[in-house]
Amino acid sequence: QVQLVESGGGLVQPGGSLRLSCAASGIIFRIYAMGWYRQAPGNQRELVTAITGAGTTNYADSVKGRFTISRDNAKNTVYLQMNSLKPEDTAVYFCNAKSGYPNDDHWGQGTQVTVSS
């Protein structure tokens, strides 16, 4: 059974930092592309950043230069370091794992990030 468990969300002031973690189990972690998505109230879920098994990354324009995705294949964990946070970063952040095979696409339960003074 595949499980993705996010942690690290919370309330932070504008300009602050948070680090999210997503621990995976039930998959061969190193072959999966891992991503972070977010969904704010009233908005569609959007891709924030992703990292392939080989370590290639991509970022949404809105977070480039502020967020960094990384992975530790030995710990089956992907991280999202978020710096210079803005109120518009407020959302539920979801971890995603996909292998590229049909229907092999998994989601975590989400963690709330709130940026507010």
C-alpha atoms as a PDB file:
ATOM      1  CA  GLN A   1       0.000   0.000   0.000  1.00  0.00           C
ATOM      2  CA  VAL A   2       1.375   3.346  -1.067  1.00  0.00           C
ATOM      3  CA  GLN A   3       1.507   6.075   1.543  1.00  0.00           C
ATOM      4  CA  LEU A   4       2.713   9.644   1.262  1.00  0.00           C
ATOM      5  CA  VAL A   5       2.795  11.532   4.545  1.00  0.00           C
ATOM      6  CA  GLU A   6       3.431  15.265   4.524  1.00  0.00           C
ATOM      7  CA  SER A   7       4.618  17.272   7.502  1.00  0.00           C
ATOM      8  CA  GLY A   8       6.049  20.688   8.285  1.00  0.00           C
ATOM      9  CA  GLY A   9       3.164  22.990   7.475  1.00  0.00           C
ATOM     10  CA  GLY A  10       2.015  25.774   9.756  1.00  0.00           C
ATOM     11  CA  LEU A  11       1.581  29.488  10.236  1.00  0.00           C
ATOM     12  CA  VAL A  12       4.441  31.800   9.293  1.00  0.00           C
ATOM     13  CA  GLN A  13       4.827  35.537   8.853  1.00  0.00           C
ATOM     14  CA  PRO A  14       5.486  37.058   5.436  1.00  0.00           C
ATOM     15  CA  GLY A  15       9.159  36.776   4.615  1.00  0.00           C
ATOM     16  CA  GLY A  16       9.550  33.686   6.761  1.00  0.00           C
ATOM     17  CA  SER A  17      10.530  30.133   5.892  1.00  0.00           C
ATOM     18  CA  LEU A  18       9.127  26.647   6.230  1.00  0.00           C
ATOM     19  CA  ARG A  19      10.362  23.227   5.195  1.00  0.00           C
ATOM     20  CA  LEU A  20       7.863  20.588   4.170  1.00  0.00           C
ATOM     21  CA  SER A  21       8.668  16.888   4.166  1.00  0.00           C
ATOM     22  CA  CYS A  22       6.941  13.992   2.447  1.00  0.00           C
ATOM     23  CA  ALA A  23       7.810  10.479   3.549  1.00  0.00           C
ATOM     24  CA  ALA A  24       6.913   7.763   1.066  1.00  0.00           C
ATOM     25  CA  SER A  25       6.328   4.061   1.619  1.00  0.00           C
ATOM     26  CA  GLY A  26       5.115   1.228  -0.552  1.00  0.00           C
ATOM     27  CA  ILE A  27       6.941   2.402  -3.683  1.00  0.00           C
ATOM     28  CA  ILE A  28      10.410   2.054  -5.163  1.00  0.00           C
ATOM     29  CA  PHE A  29      11.060   5.659  -4.307  1.00  0.00           C
ATOM     30  CA  ARG A  30      14.127   6.269  -6.453  1.00  0.00           C
ATOM     31  CA  ILE A  31      12.273   5.640  -9.726  1.00  0.00           C
ATOM     32  CA  TYR A  32       9.365   7.976  -8.973  1.00  0.00           C
ATOM     33  CA  ALA A  33       9.107  11.587  -9.931  1.00  0.00           C
ATOM     34  CA  MET A  34       8.044  13.515  -6.849  1.00  0.00           C
ATOM     35  CA  GLY A  35       6.115  16.752  -6.884  1.00  0.00           C
ATOM     36  CA  TRP A  36       4.600  19.364  -4.650  1.00  0.00           C
ATOM     37  CA  TYR A  37       1.253  20.833  -5.571  1.00  0.00           C
ATOM     38  CA  ARG A  38      -0.856  23.403  -3.771  1.00  0.00           C
ATOM     39  CA  GLN A  39      -4.483  24.367  -3.663  1.00  0.00           C
ATOM     40  CA  ALA A  40      -5.827  27.598  -2.244  1.00  0.00           C
ATOM     41  CA  PRO A  41      -9.540  28.040  -1.447  1.00  0.00           C
ATOM     42  CA  GLY A  42     -11.531  28.535  -4.622  1.00  0.00           C
ATOM     43  CA  ASN A  43      -8.561  27.680  -6.838  1.00  0.00           C
ATOM     44  CA  GLN A  44      -7.532  24.628  -8.781  1.00  0.00           C
ATOM     45  CA  ARG A  45      -4.671  22.487  -7.582  1.00  0.00           C
ATOM     46  CA  GLU A  46      -1.466  23.683  -9.225  1.00  0.00           C
ATOM     47  CA  LEU A  47       2.024  22.286  -9.617  1.00  0.00           C
ATOM     48  CA  VAL A  48       4.578  24.095  -7.499  1.00  0.00           C
ATOM     49  CA  THR A  49       7.687  22.050  -8.238  1.00  0.00           C
ATOM     50  CA  ALA A  50       8.797  18.556  -9.157  1.00  0.00           C
ATOM     51  CA  ILE A  51      11.943  16.457  -9.148  1.00  0.00           C
ATOM     52  CA  THR A  52      12.689  13.361 -11.199  1.00  0.00           C
ATOM     53  CA  GLY A  53      14.377  10.261  -9.886  1.00  0.00           C
ATOM     54  CA  ALA A  54      17.584  11.523 -11.481  1.00  0.00           C
ATOM     55  CA  GLY A  55      17.270  14.876  -9.703  1.00  0.00           C
ATOM     56  CA  THR A  56      16.077  17.126 -12.510  1.00  0.00           C
ATOM     57  CA  THR A  57      13.854  19.867 -11.147  1.00  0.00           C
ATOM     58  CA  ASN A  58      11.277  22.308 -12.429  1.00  0.00           C
ATOM     59  CA  TYR A  59       9.468  25.151 -10.712  1.00  0.00           C
ATOM     60  CA  ALA A  60       6.413  27.291 -11.216  1.00  0.00           C
ATOM     61  CA  ASP A  61       7.401  30.836 -12.131  1.00  0.00           C
ATOM     62  CA  SER A  62       5.721  32.138  -8.976  1.00  0.00           C
ATOM     63  CA  VAL A  63       8.153  30.276  -6.703  1.00  0.00           C
ATOM     64  CA  LYS A  64      11.413  30.341  -8.679  1.00  0.00           C
ATOM     65  CA  GLY A  65      14.265  31.628  -6.553  1.00  0.00           C
ATOM     66  CA  ARG A  66      12.296  31.182  -3.330  1.00  0.00           C
ATOM     67  CA  PHE A  67      11.439  27.473  -3.130  1.00  0.00           C
ATOM     68  CA  THR A  68      13.780  24.500  -3.441  1.00  0.00           C
ATOM     69  CA  ILE A  69      12.797  20.869  -3.883  1.00  0.00           C
ATOM     70  CA  SER A  70      15.173  18.075  -2.918  1.00  0.00           C
ATOM     71  CA  ARG A  71      15.013  14.358  -2.292  1.00  0.00           C
ATOM     72  CA  ASP A  72      16.813  11.820  -0.159  1.00  0.00           C
ATOM     73  CA  ASN A  73      16.416   8.431  -1.802  1.00  0.00           C
ATOM     74  CA  ALA A  74      17.961   6.686   1.213  1.00  0.00           C
ATOM     75  CA  LYS A  75      15.172   8.055   3.409  1.00  0.00           C
ATOM     76  CA  ASN A  76      12.374   7.822   0.817  1.00  0.00           C
ATOM     77  CA  THR A  77      11.665  11.481   1.486  1.00  0.00           C
ATOM     78  CA  VAL A  78      11.181  14.600  -0.595  1.00  0.00           C
ATOM     79  CA  TYR A  79      11.518  18.084   0.838  1.00  0.00           C
ATOM     80  CA  LEU A  80      10.290  21.540  -0.058  1.00  0.00           C
ATOM     81  CA  GLN A  81      12.267  24.425   1.386  1.00  0.00           C
ATOM     82  CA  MET A  82      10.169  27.578   1.169  1.00  0.00           C
ATOM     83  CA  ASN A  83      11.833  30.934   1.764  1.00  0.00           C
ATOM     84  CA  SER A  84      10.615  34.515   1.453  1.00  0.00           C
ATOM     85  CA  LEU A  85       7.066  33.338   1.886  1.00  0.00           C
ATOM     86  CA  LYS A  86       4.232  35.571   0.727  1.00  0.00           C
ATOM     87  CA  PRO A  87       0.549  35.638   1.701  1.00  0.00           C
ATOM     88  CA  GLU A  88      -0.276  34.318  -1.769  1.00  0.00           C
ATOM     89  CA  ASP A  89       1.646  31.139  -0.937  1.00  0.00           C
ATOM     90  CA  THR A  90      -1.110  30.263   1.535  1.00  0.00           C
ATOM     91  CA  ALA A  91      -2.618  26.924   0.490  1.00  0.00           C
ATOM     92  CA  VAL A  92      -2.827  23.251   1.275  1.00  0.00           C
ATOM     93  CA  TYR A  93       0.333  21.642  -0.056  1.00  0.00           C
ATOM     94  CA  PHE A  94       0.145  18.115  -1.433  1.00  0.00           C
ATOM     95  CA  CYS A  95       2.894  15.628  -2.153  1.00  0.00           C
ATOM     96  CA  ASN A  96       2.631  13.579  -5.342  1.00  0.00           C
ATOM     97  CA  ALA A  97       4.461  10.524  -6.631  1.00  0.00           C
ATOM     98  CA  LYS A  98       4.221   9.241 -10.173  1.00  0.00           C
ATOM     99  CA  SER A  99       6.157   6.593 -12.055  1.00  0.00           C
ATOM    100  CA  GLY A 100       4.915   7.425 -15.540  1.00  0.00           C
ATOM    101  CA  TYR A 101       2.991   4.171 -15.807  1.00  0.00           C
ATOM    102  CA  PRO A 102      -0.784   4.476 -16.339  1.00  0.00           C
ATOM    103  CA  ASN A 103      -2.720   5.028 -13.100  1.00  0.00           C
ATOM    104  CA  ASP A 104       0.461   4.934 -11.001  1.00  0.00           C
ATOM    105  CA  ASP A 105      -0.087   8.344  -9.471  1.00  0.00           C
ATOM    106  CA  HIS A 106      -0.308   8.845  -5.695  1.00  0.00           C
ATOM    107  CA  TRP A 107      -1.185  11.730  -3.374  1.00  0.00           C
ATOM    108  CA  GLY A 108      -0.614  12.621   0.230  1.00  0.00           C
ATOM    109  CA  GLN A 109      -3.297  14.026   2.487  1.00  0.00           C
ATOM    110  CA  GLY A 110      -1.963  17.588   2.347  1.00  0.00           C
ATOM    111  CA  THR A 111      -0.521  20.011   4.860  1.00  0.00           C
ATOM    112  CA  GLN A 112      -1.746  23.558   5.460  1.00  0.00           C
ATOM    113  CA  VAL A 113       0.622  26.466   4.952  1.00  0.00           C
ATOM    114  CA  THR A 114      -0.626  29.861   6.067  1.00  0.00           C
ATOM    115  CA  VAL A 115       1.402  33.015   5.503  1.00  0.00           C
ATOM    116  CA  SER A 116      -0.006  35.879   7.511  1.00  0.00           C
ATOM    117  CA  SER A 117       1.035  38.613   9.895  1.00  0.00           C
END
